[in-house]
Amino acid sequence: MRAVIQRVTCASVKTDDGLSGEIGPGLLVLLGIAKDDTPADCTWLAQKIVKLRIFSDADGQMNRDVTDRGGEILVVSQFTLYADARRGRRPSFIGAAGPIVGERLYEVFCEILASTGIPVRQGRFGAEMDVELVNEGPFTIWLDSDELGIEPRPIA
């Protein structure tokens, strides 16, 4: 499981049906799901994101997480994070989860985030979406659950 996390002032996602999700200050999470991911990957990544100290405190130090900030999270599925463009000119997406597994794990991931009490908004899995954001900083990081090897700790 892979996530590109952007600290945002605001973000929204639209589909052909209109606005799907919108947040104020918080995090935009572009989520890629691999074909061998499991609910344990969802737990690890959600816990990591919730506790990332990437917001400034009163002294300007990055000591606050999204909960401390009172922020929201917008999660947008993005299978293209598993693009393999090493050969040829057309990326392969063979490493990405198929739609049935991908959507199930996307929903599990969002449910885990929401269980922390943080307001979570979502894009629409598998849809063509337009994502708008104001990146605060700019601040963008990449997390990958391939770094599993440590036991996930409870969020609380």
Protein backbone atom coordinates (compact mmCIF):
# COMPACT_ATOMS: atom_id res chain seq x y z
CA MET A 1 0.00 0.00 0.00
CA ARG A 2 1.33 3.37 -0.98
CA ALA A 3 0.26 6.89 -0.09
CA VAL A 4 1.27 10.34 -1.23
CA ILE A 5 0.31 12.68 1.60
CA GLN A 6 -0.05 16.40 1.09
CA ARG A 7 -0.60 18.89 3.86
CA VAL A 8 -3.36 21.14 2.53
CA THR A 9 -5.24 24.30 3.36
CA CYS A 10 -8.16 22.88 1.39
CA ALA A 11 -8.82 20.10 -1.12
CA SER A 12 -11.72 18.71 -3.11
CA VAL A 13 -12.47 15.92 -5.53
CA LYS A 14 -15.13 16.00 -8.24
CA THR A 15 -16.57 13.32 -10.52
CA ASP A 16 -19.00 13.60 -13.42
CA ASP A 17 -21.76 13.51 -10.79
CA GLY A 18 -20.36 16.61 -9.05
CA LEU A 19 -18.52 17.16 -5.79
CA SER A 20 -17.52 13.87 -4.14
CA GLY A 21 -15.48 15.12 -1.18
CA GLU A 22 -14.15 18.38 0.18
CA ILE A 23 -12.04 19.35 3.21
CA GLY A 24 -10.57 22.40 4.84
CA PRO A 25 -7.16 22.28 6.52
CA GLY A 26 -5.73 18.79 6.86
CA LEU A 27 -4.34 16.06 4.63
CA LEU A 28 -4.98 14.91 1.10
CA VAL A 29 -4.09 11.22 0.80
CA LEU A 30 -3.61 9.72 -2.66
CA LEU A 31 -3.87 5.99 -1.97
CA GLY A 32 -2.48 3.19 -4.12
CA ILE A 33 -3.28 -0.42 -3.29
CA ALA A 34 -1.08 -3.30 -4.40
CA LYS A 35 -2.41 -6.70 -5.42
CA ASP A 36 -0.85 -8.35 -2.36
CA ASP A 37 -2.01 -5.79 0.23
CA THR A 38 -4.06 -6.86 3.24
CA PRO A 39 -6.12 -5.19 5.97
CA ALA A 40 -2.90 -5.16 8.07
CA ASP A 41 -1.39 -2.79 5.51
CA CYS A 42 -4.48 -0.56 5.86
CA THR A 43 -4.06 -0.49 9.64
CA TRP A 44 -0.34 0.25 9.53
CA LEU A 45 -0.67 3.04 6.98
CA ALA A 46 -3.73 4.66 8.60
CA GLN A 47 -2.02 4.67 12.00
CA LYS A 48 1.14 6.12 10.51
CA ILE A 49 -0.74 8.93 8.75
CA VAL A 50 -2.86 9.87 11.78
CA LYS A 51 0.19 10.20 14.03
CA LEU A 52 2.57 11.93 11.58
CA ARG A 53 3.83 15.08 13.26
CA ILE A 54 3.85 17.30 10.18
CA PHE A 55 2.00 20.37 11.42
CA SER A 56 3.75 23.25 13.17
CA ASP A 57 3.28 24.07 16.83
CA ALA A 58 3.33 27.60 18.29
CA ASP A 59 7.15 27.62 18.03
CA GLY A 60 7.12 26.66 14.35
CA GLN A 61 8.33 23.12 15.02
CA MET A 62 6.64 20.17 13.33
CA ASN A 63 5.27 18.64 16.53
CA ARG A 64 1.55 18.38 15.77
CA ASP A 65 -0.41 15.66 13.97
CA VAL A 66 -3.66 16.05 12.04
CA THR A 67 -5.71 15.41 15.19
CA ASP A 68 -3.85 18.13 17.13
CA ARG A 69 -4.47 20.47 14.21
CA GLY A 70 -8.19 19.68 14.18
CA GLY A 71 -7.78 18.77 10.52
CA GLU A 72 -9.67 16.62 8.08
CA ILE A 73 -8.53 13.96 5.64
CA LEU A 74 -9.54 13.52 1.99
CA VAL A 75 -8.69 10.08 0.57
CA VAL A 76 -8.52 9.59 -3.19
CA SER A 77 -7.82 6.17 -4.71
CA GLN A 78 -4.94 6.24 -7.17
CA PHE A 79 -3.89 2.93 -8.69
CA THR A 80 -1.34 4.80 -10.82
CA LEU A 81 0.95 4.95 -7.78
CA TYR A 82 1.79 1.38 -8.76
CA ALA A 83 2.76 2.27 -12.32
CA ASP A 84 5.87 0.53 -13.60
CA ALA A 85 7.41 2.56 -16.41
CA ARG A 86 10.85 0.96 -16.41
CA ARG A 87 10.30 -0.70 -19.78
CA GLY A 88 8.80 0.77 -22.91
CA ARG A 89 6.74 3.94 -23.02
CA ARG A 90 3.42 2.70 -21.65
CA PRO A 91 3.29 2.13 -17.88
CA SER A 92 2.22 -1.25 -16.59
CA PHE A 93 -0.17 -1.41 -13.67
CA ILE A 94 0.22 -5.12 -13.00
CA GLY A 95 1.33 -4.42 -9.41
CA ALA A 96 -1.92 -2.62 -8.55
CA ALA A 97 -4.80 -4.45 -6.91
CA GLY A 98 -7.75 -5.36 -9.10
CA PRO A 99 -10.97 -3.41 -8.65
CA ILE A 100 -12.71 -5.82 -6.25
CA VAL A 101 -9.80 -6.13 -3.80
CA GLY A 102 -8.76 -2.51 -4.32
CA GLU A 103 -12.17 -1.09 -3.48
CA ARG A 104 -12.59 -3.33 -0.43
CA LEU A 105 -9.21 -2.28 0.99
CA TYR A 106 -9.84 1.38 0.10
CA GLU A 107 -13.04 1.25 2.17
CA VAL A 108 -11.27 -0.56 5.03
CA PHE A 109 -8.53 2.09 5.04
CA CYS A 110 -11.10 4.94 5.14
CA GLU A 111 -13.06 3.22 7.93
CA ILE A 112 -9.91 2.87 10.03
CA LEU A 113 -9.12 6.56 9.57
CA ALA A 114 -12.71 7.55 10.42
CA SER A 115 -12.66 5.39 13.56
CA THR A 116 -10.12 7.83 15.03
CA GLY A 117 -12.71 10.62 15.04
CA ILE A 118 -11.00 12.59 12.28
CA PRO A 119 -13.47 13.78 9.63
CA VAL A 120 -12.74 11.70 6.51
CA ARG A 121 -14.03 12.48 3.03
CA GLN A 122 -13.55 10.27 0.00
CA GLY A 123 -13.29 10.35 -3.73
CA ARG A 124 -15.20 7.70 -5.66
CA PHE A 125 -13.24 4.51 -6.20
CA GLY A 126 -12.61 3.72 -9.86
CA ALA A 127 -14.08 6.98 -11.16
CA GLU A 128 -12.41 9.63 -13.27
CA MET A 129 -11.86 12.45 -10.78
CA ASP A 130 -10.65 16.03 -10.76
CA VAL A 131 -8.65 16.80 -7.63
CA GLU A 132 -8.05 20.37 -6.52
CA LEU A 133 -5.87 21.35 -3.61
CA VAL A 134 -3.89 24.11 -2.02
CA ASN A 135 -0.69 22.44 -0.79
CA GLU A 136 0.39 24.10 2.46
CA GLY A 137 4.15 24.48 2.57
CA PRO A 138 4.36 22.92 0.03
CA PHE A 139 4.57 19.72 2.00
CA THR A 140 4.31 16.32 0.31
CA ILE A 141 5.60 12.95 1.51
CA TRP A 142 5.42 9.35 0.33
CA LEU A 143 4.69 6.37 2.60
CA ASP A 144 4.87 2.75 1.60
CA SER A 145 3.61 -0.21 3.65
CA ASP A 146 6.43 -2.29 2.20
CA GLU A 147 8.18 -0.85 5.24
CA LEU A 148 6.08 -3.23 7.36
CA GLY A 149 8.18 -5.12 9.77
CA ILE A 150 7.17 -3.18 12.83
CA GLU A 151 3.98 -4.09 14.61
CA PRO A 152 1.21 -1.49 14.20
CA ARG A 153 0.47 0.23 17.48
CA PRO A 154 -2.97 1.33 18.60
CA ILE A 155 -3.91 4.83 17.45
CA ALA A 156 -5.09 5.97 20.88
